Protein backbone atom coordinates (compact mmCIF):
# COMPACT_ATOMS: atom_id res chain seq x y z
CA MET A 1 -51.76 9.68 -112.99
CA ALA A 2 -51.84 6.11 -114.31
CA SER A 3 -54.57 4.17 -112.53
CA PRO A 4 -56.01 0.64 -112.89
CA ASN A 5 -59.49 1.42 -114.27
CA VAL A 6 -60.38 4.10 -111.73
CA THR A 7 -61.13 7.80 -111.99
CA VAL A 8 -58.80 10.05 -110.00
CA ASN A 9 -60.23 13.28 -108.68
CA PRO A 10 -57.67 15.93 -107.61
CA GLU A 11 -59.77 16.91 -104.60
CA ASP A 12 -59.90 13.25 -103.52
CA LEU A 13 -56.09 13.17 -103.65
CA ARG A 14 -55.88 16.28 -101.49
CA ILE A 15 -58.21 14.77 -98.89
CA LEU A 16 -56.37 11.44 -98.79
CA ARG A 17 -52.93 13.01 -98.53
CA GLU A 18 -54.04 15.33 -95.74
CA LEU A 19 -55.43 12.36 -93.79
CA ALA A 20 -52.20 10.46 -94.46
CA ARG A 21 -50.21 13.39 -93.08
CA ARG A 22 -52.32 13.38 -89.93
CA LYS A 23 -51.88 9.63 -89.58
CA MET A 24 -48.10 9.98 -89.80
CA GLU A 25 -48.23 12.52 -86.97
CA ALA A 26 -50.13 9.97 -84.88
CA VAL A 27 -47.64 7.23 -85.81
CA ALA A 28 -44.82 9.37 -84.41
CA HIS A 29 -46.71 10.27 -81.22
CA PRO A 30 -45.07 8.98 -78.00
CA ASP A 31 -48.29 7.20 -76.97
CA ASN A 32 -48.24 5.18 -80.19
CA GLN A 33 -44.60 4.26 -79.74
CA LYS A 34 -45.28 3.23 -76.14
CA ARG A 35 -48.12 0.94 -77.18
CA ARG A 36 -45.92 -0.88 -79.65
CA ALA A 37 -43.36 -1.52 -76.91
CA LEU A 38 -46.11 -2.71 -74.56
CA TRP A 39 -47.31 -5.27 -77.11
CA LEU A 40 -43.85 -6.68 -77.66
CA ALA A 41 -43.33 -7.01 -73.90
CA HIS A 42 -46.79 -8.55 -73.53
CA ASP A 43 -46.03 -11.22 -76.12
CA ALA A 44 -42.80 -12.05 -74.34
CA GLY A 45 -44.67 -12.53 -71.03
CA GLN A 46 -43.10 -9.39 -69.57
CA GLY A 47 -45.92 -6.86 -69.93
CA GLU A 48 -46.27 -4.15 -67.33
CA ARG A 49 -50.07 -4.11 -67.54
CA PRO A 50 -52.97 -5.76 -69.41
CA LEU A 51 -53.61 -4.44 -72.90
CA VAL A 52 -57.02 -3.15 -73.95
CA LEU A 53 -58.60 -3.44 -77.41
CA ALA A 54 -62.07 -2.58 -78.69
CA GLU A 55 -63.42 -3.53 -82.10
CA SER A 56 -65.25 -0.43 -83.17
CA HIS A 57 -65.81 -0.37 -86.93
CA VAL A 58 -69.59 -0.61 -86.61
CA SER A 59 -69.96 2.03 -83.92
CA PHE A 60 -67.60 4.36 -85.79
CA ALA A 61 -69.87 4.20 -88.83
CA ASP A 62 -72.56 5.99 -86.80
CA LEU A 63 -70.35 8.97 -85.94
CA PRO A 64 -69.86 12.22 -87.87
CA ALA A 65 -66.12 11.47 -87.94
CA SER A 66 -66.81 8.56 -90.31
CA GLN A 67 -68.49 10.64 -92.99
CA THR A 68 -66.44 10.64 -96.19
CA LEU A 69 -65.86 13.56 -98.54
CA CYS A 70 -64.18 11.88 -101.50
CA THR A 71 -66.23 11.45 -104.68
CA GLU A 72 -64.88 8.16 -106.08
CA GLN A 73 -65.78 4.90 -104.28
CA TRP A 74 -62.20 3.57 -104.16
CA ALA A 75 -61.09 6.87 -102.61
CA ARG A 76 -63.99 6.85 -100.11
CA ASP A 77 -62.95 3.38 -98.98
CA LEU A 78 -59.42 4.57 -98.30
CA GLU A 79 -60.67 7.74 -96.66
CA TRP A 80 -62.96 5.80 -94.34
CA GLY A 81 -60.06 3.61 -93.21
CA LEU A 82 -57.83 6.59 -92.52
CA ARG A 83 -60.55 8.41 -90.60
CA PHE A 84 -61.16 5.29 -88.56
CA ASP A 85 -57.44 5.01 -87.71
CA LEU A 86 -57.41 8.61 -86.50
CA TRP A 87 -60.64 8.24 -84.52
CA GLN A 88 -59.37 5.10 -82.85
CA PHE A 89 -56.14 6.86 -81.86
CA GLU A 90 -57.63 10.22 -80.85
CA VAL A 91 -60.99 9.21 -79.36
CA MET A 92 -61.10 5.49 -78.58
CA GLN A 93 -57.58 5.53 -77.10
CA ASP A 94 -57.30 1.79 -76.65
CA ASP A 95 -54.03 -0.05 -77.29
CA HIS A 96 -54.25 -0.32 -81.06
CA VAL A 97 -51.05 0.80 -82.76
CA LEU A 98 -50.71 2.79 -85.97
CA GLU A 99 -48.00 1.88 -88.47
CA PRO A 100 -46.79 4.14 -91.33
CA TRP A 101 -48.32 2.00 -94.06
CA VAL A 102 -51.30 1.44 -96.26
CA ASN A 103 -51.66 -2.29 -96.87
CA THR A 104 -53.08 -4.02 -99.90
CA GLY A 105 -53.31 -7.75 -100.53
CA TRP A 106 -52.61 -10.24 -103.26
CA ARG A 107 -55.70 -10.92 -105.39
CA VAL A 108 -56.04 -14.65 -104.89
CA SER A 109 -59.00 -16.75 -106.03
CA THR A 110 -60.03 -20.25 -105.06
CA THR A 111 -62.60 -22.57 -106.53
CA ASP A 112 -65.22 -24.35 -104.45
CA TYR A 113 -65.07 -28.02 -103.45
CA GLY A 114 -67.04 -29.15 -106.47
CA VAL A 115 -70.38 -28.54 -104.73
CA GLN A 116 -72.27 -25.45 -103.63
CA ALA A 117 -74.77 -24.74 -100.88
CA ARG A 118 -77.94 -22.80 -101.68
CA THR A 119 -77.95 -19.86 -99.27
CA THR A 120 -80.69 -17.35 -98.38
CA TRP A 121 -79.88 -14.27 -96.32
CA ALA A 122 -82.38 -12.49 -94.11
CA ASP A 123 -82.85 -8.74 -94.42
CA ARG A 124 -80.36 -6.87 -92.29
CA VAL A 125 -82.11 -5.14 -89.41
CA SER A 126 -79.13 -3.44 -87.76
CA GLY A 127 -75.38 -3.69 -87.37
CA ASN A 128 -73.20 -5.53 -89.86
CA VAL A 129 -74.54 -9.06 -89.51
CA SER A 130 -77.51 -10.98 -90.78
CA SER A 131 -78.92 -14.47 -90.34
CA ARG A 132 -78.86 -17.00 -93.14
CA HIS A 133 -80.37 -20.29 -94.13
CA TRP A 134 -78.45 -22.70 -96.29
CA ASP A 135 -79.17 -26.08 -97.80
CA PRO A 136 -75.99 -28.15 -97.40
CA PRO A 137 -74.97 -29.79 -100.68
CA LEU A 138 -74.02 -33.11 -99.07
CA THR A 139 -77.11 -34.86 -97.69
CA ASP A 140 -76.13 -38.53 -97.83
CA LEU A 141 -72.57 -38.64 -96.54
CA PRO A 142 -71.41 -42.11 -97.61
CA ARG A 143 -72.70 -41.39 -101.10
CA ASP A 144 -72.05 -37.65 -101.50
CA LEU A 145 -68.53 -37.38 -100.11
CA ASP A 146 -67.26 -38.62 -103.47
CA LEU A 147 -68.60 -35.41 -105.00
CA LEU A 148 -65.93 -33.35 -103.21
CA LYS A 149 -63.03 -32.12 -105.32
CA PRO A 150 -59.83 -30.44 -104.14
CA ARG A 151 -59.85 -26.71 -104.77
CA SER A 152 -57.64 -24.99 -107.32
CA PHE A 153 -56.03 -21.61 -106.76
CA SER A 154 -54.90 -18.64 -108.82
CA VAL A 155 -53.42 -15.18 -108.31
CA ASP A 156 -53.75 -12.07 -110.45
CA ARG A 157 -50.29 -10.61 -109.96
CA GLU A 158 -50.72 -7.93 -112.60
CA ALA A 159 -53.83 -6.47 -110.98
CA SER A 160 -52.35 -6.76 -107.48
CA LEU A 161 -49.18 -4.91 -108.41
CA ALA A 162 -51.06 -2.32 -110.45
CA TRP A 163 -53.22 -1.47 -107.45
CA ARG A 164 -50.16 -1.27 -105.17
CA ASP A 165 -48.51 1.13 -107.62
CA HIS A 166 -51.71 3.16 -107.86
CA LEU A 167 -51.78 3.55 -104.08
CA ALA A 168 -48.13 4.58 -104.07
CA GLU A 169 -48.99 7.38 -106.52
CA VAL A 170 -52.02 8.39 -104.49
CA PHE A 171 -50.06 8.86 -101.27
CA ASP A 172 -46.92 10.14 -103.01
CA GLY A 173 -44.57 9.13 -100.21
CA THR A 174 -46.75 10.46 -97.37
CA LEU A 175 -47.54 6.89 -96.32
CA GLY A 176 -45.72 3.74 -97.35
CA VAL A 177 -47.63 1.17 -99.41
CA ARG A 178 -47.01 -2.56 -99.15
CA ILE A 179 -48.62 -5.87 -100.01
CA ARG A 180 -49.58 -7.50 -96.74
CA GLY A 181 -52.46 -9.64 -95.57
CA GLY A 182 -53.80 -13.15 -95.15
CA PHE A 183 -55.98 -15.52 -97.13
CA TRP A 184 -58.36 -16.94 -94.51
CA TRP A 185 -59.67 -16.17 -91.07
CA THR A 186 -59.33 -19.59 -89.48
CA THR A 187 -57.68 -22.95 -89.98
CA GLY A 188 -60.35 -24.53 -87.76
CA LEU A 189 -62.00 -26.62 -90.55
CA THR A 190 -65.37 -27.10 -88.82
CA TRP A 191 -66.87 -23.95 -90.37
CA SER A 192 -66.22 -25.44 -93.82
CA ALA A 193 -67.43 -28.89 -92.77
CA ILE A 194 -70.75 -27.58 -91.50
CA ASP A 195 -71.29 -25.46 -94.59
CA LEU A 196 -70.97 -28.69 -96.58
CA ILE A 197 -73.13 -31.03 -94.49
CA GLY A 198 -75.04 -28.91 -91.98
CA LEU A 199 -74.66 -28.56 -88.22
CA GLU A 200 -77.23 -31.16 -87.22
CA GLN A 201 -75.84 -33.77 -89.59
CA PHE A 202 -72.31 -33.06 -88.41
CA MET A 203 -73.30 -33.65 -84.78
CA LEU A 204 -75.30 -36.79 -85.51
CA ALA A 205 -72.73 -38.31 -87.83
CA MET A 206 -70.01 -38.17 -85.19
CA ALA A 207 -72.13 -40.62 -83.20
CA ILE A 208 -73.61 -42.81 -85.95
CA ASP A 209 -71.33 -42.44 -88.98
CA GLY A 210 -67.91 -41.55 -87.65
CA GLU A 211 -66.15 -42.95 -90.72
CA SER A 212 -67.78 -40.33 -92.95
CA ILE A 213 -66.79 -37.48 -90.62
CA HIS A 214 -63.22 -38.76 -90.60
CA ARG A 215 -63.23 -38.79 -94.39
CA LEU A 216 -64.66 -35.28 -94.56
CA MET A 217 -62.25 -33.78 -92.03
CA ALA A 218 -59.26 -35.51 -93.61
CA PHE A 219 -60.27 -34.08 -97.00
CA LEU A 220 -60.61 -30.54 -95.62
CA SER A 221 -57.33 -30.75 -93.71
CA GLU A 222 -55.42 -32.03 -96.72
CA ASP A 223 -56.98 -29.38 -98.96
CA LEU A 224 -55.96 -26.57 -96.59
CA MET A 225 -52.45 -28.02 -96.40
CA GLU A 226 -52.33 -27.95 -100.21
CA TYR A 227 -53.51 -24.34 -100.25
CA THR A 228 -50.82 -23.44 -97.72
CA SER A 229 -48.16 -25.14 -99.82
CA TRP A 230 -49.38 -23.38 -102.97
CA LEU A 231 -49.29 -19.94 -101.30
CA GLU A 232 -45.76 -20.62 -100.07
CA ALA A 233 -44.56 -21.87 -103.46
CA GLU A 234 -46.06 -18.81 -105.16
CA GLY A 235 -44.34 -16.49 -102.69
CA LEU A 236 -47.61 -14.91 -101.52
CA PHE A 237 -47.29 -15.12 -97.75
CA THR A 238 -46.47 -11.86 -95.95
CA LEU A 239 -45.56 -11.28 -92.31
CA ASN A 240 -48.30 -10.62 -89.73
CA ASN A 241 -46.14 -9.68 -86.72
CA GLU A 242 -47.13 -6.02 -86.28
CA ASN A 243 -50.56 -4.40 -85.90
CA ASP A 244 -51.98 -7.21 -88.00
CA TYR A 245 -55.30 -8.71 -86.88
CA ILE A 246 -54.46 -12.17 -85.60
CA GLY A 247 -56.45 -14.76 -83.77
CA SER A 248 -59.95 -13.59 -82.93
CA GLY A 249 -59.19 -9.99 -82.07
CA SER A 250 -55.57 -9.68 -80.97
CA LEU A 251 -52.58 -7.94 -82.57
CA GLY A 252 -49.61 -9.76 -84.06
CA TYR A 253 -46.77 -7.93 -82.32
CA THR A 254 -44.03 -10.38 -81.43
CA ALA A 255 -40.24 -10.48 -81.51
CA SER A 256 -40.23 -14.26 -82.05
CA LEU A 257 -41.49 -14.04 -85.65
CA PRO A 258 -40.29 -14.34 -88.33
CA ALA A 259 -38.48 -17.59 -87.58
CA GLU A 260 -34.79 -18.26 -87.95
CA GLY A 261 -33.66 -18.28 -91.57
CA TYR A 262 -36.11 -15.64 -92.76
CA SER A 263 -34.77 -13.17 -95.31
CA PRO A 264 -36.38 -9.73 -95.70
CA ASP A 265 -35.71 -10.03 -99.42
CA ALA A 266 -37.77 -13.23 -99.70
CA PRO A 267 -41.46 -14.02 -99.13
CA ALA A 268 -42.57 -15.17 -95.71
CA ARG A 269 -42.98 -18.86 -94.93
CA PRO A 270 -45.71 -20.47 -92.82
CA CYS A 271 -43.21 -20.84 -89.97
CA ASP A 272 -42.85 -17.04 -89.95
CA LEU A 273 -46.54 -16.41 -89.34
CA TRP A 274 -49.37 -16.44 -86.81
CA THR A 275 -52.45 -18.56 -87.48
CA LEU A 276 -55.84 -18.86 -85.83
CA CYS A 277 -57.46 -22.19 -85.02
CA GLU A 278 -60.88 -22.58 -83.37
CA SER A 279 -64.00 -24.74 -83.39
CA GLN A 280 -66.92 -22.71 -82.11
CA GLU A 281 -69.42 -24.95 -83.86
CA THR A 282 -68.48 -27.97 -81.69
CA VAL A 283 -69.01 -26.26 -78.34
CA SER A 284 -71.43 -29.02 -77.23
CA VAL A 285 -69.15 -31.88 -78.28
CA SER A 286 -67.36 -33.89 -75.62
CA PRO A 287 -63.59 -33.38 -75.31
CA SER A 288 -62.86 -36.90 -76.52
CA MET A 289 -65.05 -36.51 -79.61
CA PHE A 290 -63.56 -33.08 -80.27
CA GLU A 291 -60.09 -34.61 -80.22
CA GLU A 292 -61.04 -37.56 -82.41
CA PHE A 293 -63.09 -35.77 -85.05
CA VAL A 294 -61.72 -32.22 -85.05
CA PHE A 295 -58.44 -31.58 -83.29
CA GLN A 296 -56.42 -34.35 -84.91
CA TYR A 297 -57.19 -32.74 -88.29
CA GLN A 298 -56.58 -29.17 -87.13
CA ARG A 299 -53.23 -29.90 -85.54
CA PRO A 300 -51.06 -30.62 -88.62
CA VAL A 301 -52.30 -27.44 -90.29
CA ALA A 302 -51.87 -25.21 -87.24
CA GLU A 303 -48.41 -26.55 -86.45
CA ARG A 304 -47.10 -25.56 -89.89
CA PHE A 305 -47.20 -21.98 -88.65
CA GLY A 306 -44.86 -20.20 -86.30
CA ALA A 307 -47.42 -19.30 -83.64
CA CYS A 308 -51.02 -20.29 -83.00
CA TYR A 309 -53.84 -18.34 -81.37
CA TYR A 310 -56.57 -20.80 -80.35
CA GLY A 311 -60.24 -20.12 -79.83
CA CYS A 312 -62.94 -17.54 -80.33
CA CYS A 313 -66.37 -17.67 -78.65
CA GLU A 314 -66.24 -21.29 -77.48
CA PRO A 315 -65.26 -22.03 -73.86
CA VAL A 316 -62.01 -23.97 -74.10
CA ASN A 317 -61.51 -24.96 -70.45
CA ASN A 318 -63.14 -28.40 -70.82
CA ARG A 319 -60.95 -29.25 -73.82
CA TRP A 320 -57.78 -27.56 -72.61
CA HIS A 321 -56.00 -30.90 -72.07
CA VAL A 322 -56.41 -31.43 -75.82
CA ILE A 323 -55.65 -27.94 -77.13
CA LYS A 324 -52.50 -27.57 -75.03
CA LYS A 325 -50.87 -30.28 -77.16
CA LEU A 326 -50.27 -27.70 -79.90
CA LYS A 327 -46.52 -27.11 -79.99
CA ASN A 328 -46.83 -23.49 -81.16
CA LEU A 329 -49.67 -22.32 -78.89
CA ARG A 330 -49.09 -18.70 -77.85
CA ARG A 331 -52.46 -17.07 -77.09
CA VAL A 332 -55.83 -18.50 -76.07
CA SER A 333 -59.27 -16.92 -76.26
CA VAL A 334 -61.05 -16.83 -72.90
CA SER A 335 -64.66 -16.24 -73.93
CA PRO A 336 -67.53 -15.02 -71.72
CA TRP A 337 -68.54 -18.66 -71.16
CA CYS A 338 -65.08 -19.83 -70.10
CA ASP A 339 -63.90 -20.71 -66.57
CA GLU A 340 -61.51 -17.79 -65.97
CA ALA A 341 -59.93 -19.16 -62.80
CA PHE A 342 -59.16 -22.49 -64.46
CA MET A 343 -57.68 -20.82 -67.54
CA ALA A 344 -55.58 -18.41 -65.48
CA GLU A 345 -53.91 -21.32 -63.69
CA ALA A 346 -53.49 -23.23 -66.96
CA LEU A 347 -51.99 -20.36 -68.97
CA GLY A 348 -49.75 -18.64 -66.43
CA ARG A 349 -47.51 -16.09 -68.13
CA GLY A 350 -46.29 -18.37 -70.89
CA ILE A 351 -49.48 -18.24 -72.98
CA ALA A 352 -51.49 -15.03 -73.27
CA PHE A 353 -54.90 -14.89 -71.58
CA SER A 354 -56.99 -13.27 -74.34
CA ARG A 355 -60.17 -12.28 -72.51
CA LYS A 356 -63.37 -11.50 -74.42
CA PRO A 357 -65.92 -9.82 -72.10
CA ASN A 358 -69.58 -10.39 -72.92
CA PRO A 359 -70.55 -7.79 -75.58
CA ALA A 360 -74.04 -7.61 -74.06
CA LEU A 361 -72.47 -5.48 -71.33
CA VAL A 362 -72.12 -2.57 -73.78
CA SER A 363 -74.99 -3.38 -76.15
CA THR A 364 -78.20 -3.63 -74.14
CA GLU A 365 -80.63 -0.73 -73.86
CA ARG A 366 -79.68 0.00 -70.26
CA TRP A 367 -76.09 1.13 -69.76
CA ASP A 368 -74.88 -0.38 -66.48
CA GLU A 369 -71.39 0.80 -65.49
CA GLU A 370 -71.59 -1.12 -62.24
CA ALA A 371 -72.02 -4.41 -64.10
CA ILE A 372 -69.21 -3.53 -66.53
CA THR A 373 -66.88 -2.62 -63.67
CA GLU A 374 -67.68 -5.82 -61.79
CA ASP A 375 -66.96 -7.89 -64.91
CA LEU A 376 -63.60 -6.18 -65.34
CA ARG A 377 -62.75 -6.63 -61.66
CA ALA A 378 -63.50 -10.36 -61.83
CA THR A 379 -61.19 -10.83 -64.80
CA LEU A 380 -58.37 -8.66 -63.47
CA GLN A 381 -58.35 -10.53 -60.18
CA ALA A 382 -58.76 -14.00 -61.70
CA ALA A 383 -55.99 -13.44 -64.24
CA ALA A 384 -53.50 -11.86 -61.85
CA GLY A 385 -50.04 -12.97 -62.90
CA CYS A 386 -51.09 -13.80 -66.48
CA SER A 387 -50.22 -12.05 -69.73
CA LEU A 388 -53.69 -10.52 -70.04
CA GLU A 389 -55.34 -8.78 -72.96
CA LEU A 390 -58.91 -7.44 -72.69
CA ILE A 391 -60.70 -7.43 -76.06
CA MET A 392 -64.26 -6.15 -76.44
CA LYS A 393 -65.50 -7.56 -79.72
CA ASP A 394 -68.64 -8.73 -81.51
CA VAL A 395 -70.43 -5.46 -80.86
CA HIS A 396 -72.77 -4.17 -83.54
CA THR A 397 -75.31 -1.54 -82.57
CA LEU A 398 -74.34 -0.32 -79.07
CA ALA A 399 -78.00 0.68 -78.59
CA GLY A 400 -77.39 3.63 -80.91
CA GLU A 401 -74.73 5.11 -78.62
CA PRO A 402 -71.34 4.53 -80.32
CA MET A 403 -69.35 6.38 -77.67
CA ARG A 404 -70.15 3.57 -75.22
CA LEU A 405 -67.16 1.67 -76.54
CA ALA A 406 -64.77 4.51 -75.76
CA ARG A 407 -66.26 4.63 -72.27
CA TRP A 408 -65.69 0.87 -71.88
CA VAL A 409 -62.01 1.42 -72.75
CA GLU A 410 -61.84 4.14 -70.10
CA LEU A 411 -63.45 1.87 -67.51
CA ALA A 412 -61.05 -0.94 -68.40
CA LYS A 413 -58.06 1.33 -67.86
CA GLN A 414 -59.48 2.53 -64.55
CA GLY A 415 -59.99 -1.09 -63.49
CA ILE A 416 -56.40 -1.92 -64.34
CA GLU A 417 -55.20 0.95 -62.21
CA ARG A 418 -57.39 -0.20 -59.33
CA TRP A 419 -57.13 -3.99 -59.37
CA TRP A 420 -54.20 -5.18 -61.43
CA ALA A 421 -51.64 -6.95 -59.27
CA ARG A 422 -48.21 -5.69 -60.28
């Protein structure tokens, strides 16, 4: 078998193809087909019940089901993903949907902005996250902003296509293989801004050197617009309207994308896609300052896309009158620190109420089902009449008990049966 600089072990192929066969059985299962239909109805504001998702990669890694048998690293990576898909379908039983594909992305590279931060990471104690310290490269804004340079971009088409073809040989028709995937997590801009100048300086400069913040945010917005234009011109965008991860935890299922004029024989355009926009870093900024220094630079980028999911961990209720100006707003994150009653009235059924329960509920040493149930009840009653999705995310250790997340899914479904107003 021709492969791009990898060793192919026959036993690895047998393992991968057997897992692919099992995945295809799950794809065809009536429960999987039902979930897909539920997501499409949910996106259209016609869902019959709230949808339940749980991000479980970290907890799955602690289970015997995650242990890989393949010998080559590239094969183990694929095996782990397939085992996770099956565990999520068979054990977790949330509303994730399996599709008959293995996805691989375009190999795109970008340069930096002409400057680099010096970053030090702490030792990882548990989970998949670690703290970091970084020295921002821009310390004197009026002087240092001139150091910024627009990024340049490149794509290795040969390597991307070679890997796609390799995967097609590996799965030998058992699973389809396609190039699909995005090139960033967020179009929010403030993450990049704070990496460049630091959080404290960003906050202070809005009050004492607003001109420099305007210059910085305009630069970042224009650079991201250029990147978007380059990806479109190079034909690298792919659809994200199925079980694609969109926003900060939701799934991309929608019948409204791609937009009118899309051709299946041509690459996707920005107007055919979901995007995420958020600004968690500015949670303590007043709504008027958020609009002046952040939102006005986010908006032209976000509105190039067909649909926008706004928010992550920040409470958005106090800046809702700003965010709602987005013409393509379709889903909004309702974080643990958000006013649920306010957001339920604001969103109605036209914009999805994407609820993120506090992950501490499933992560602390003491497992308290009464507290979890009360949290679910409060959301289900507050969001009655909304297009509601319940997404447990940002969990890492689960106090060493990975099956807690499956139990949370079960409790969420029981709560829906008990309290959801049909």
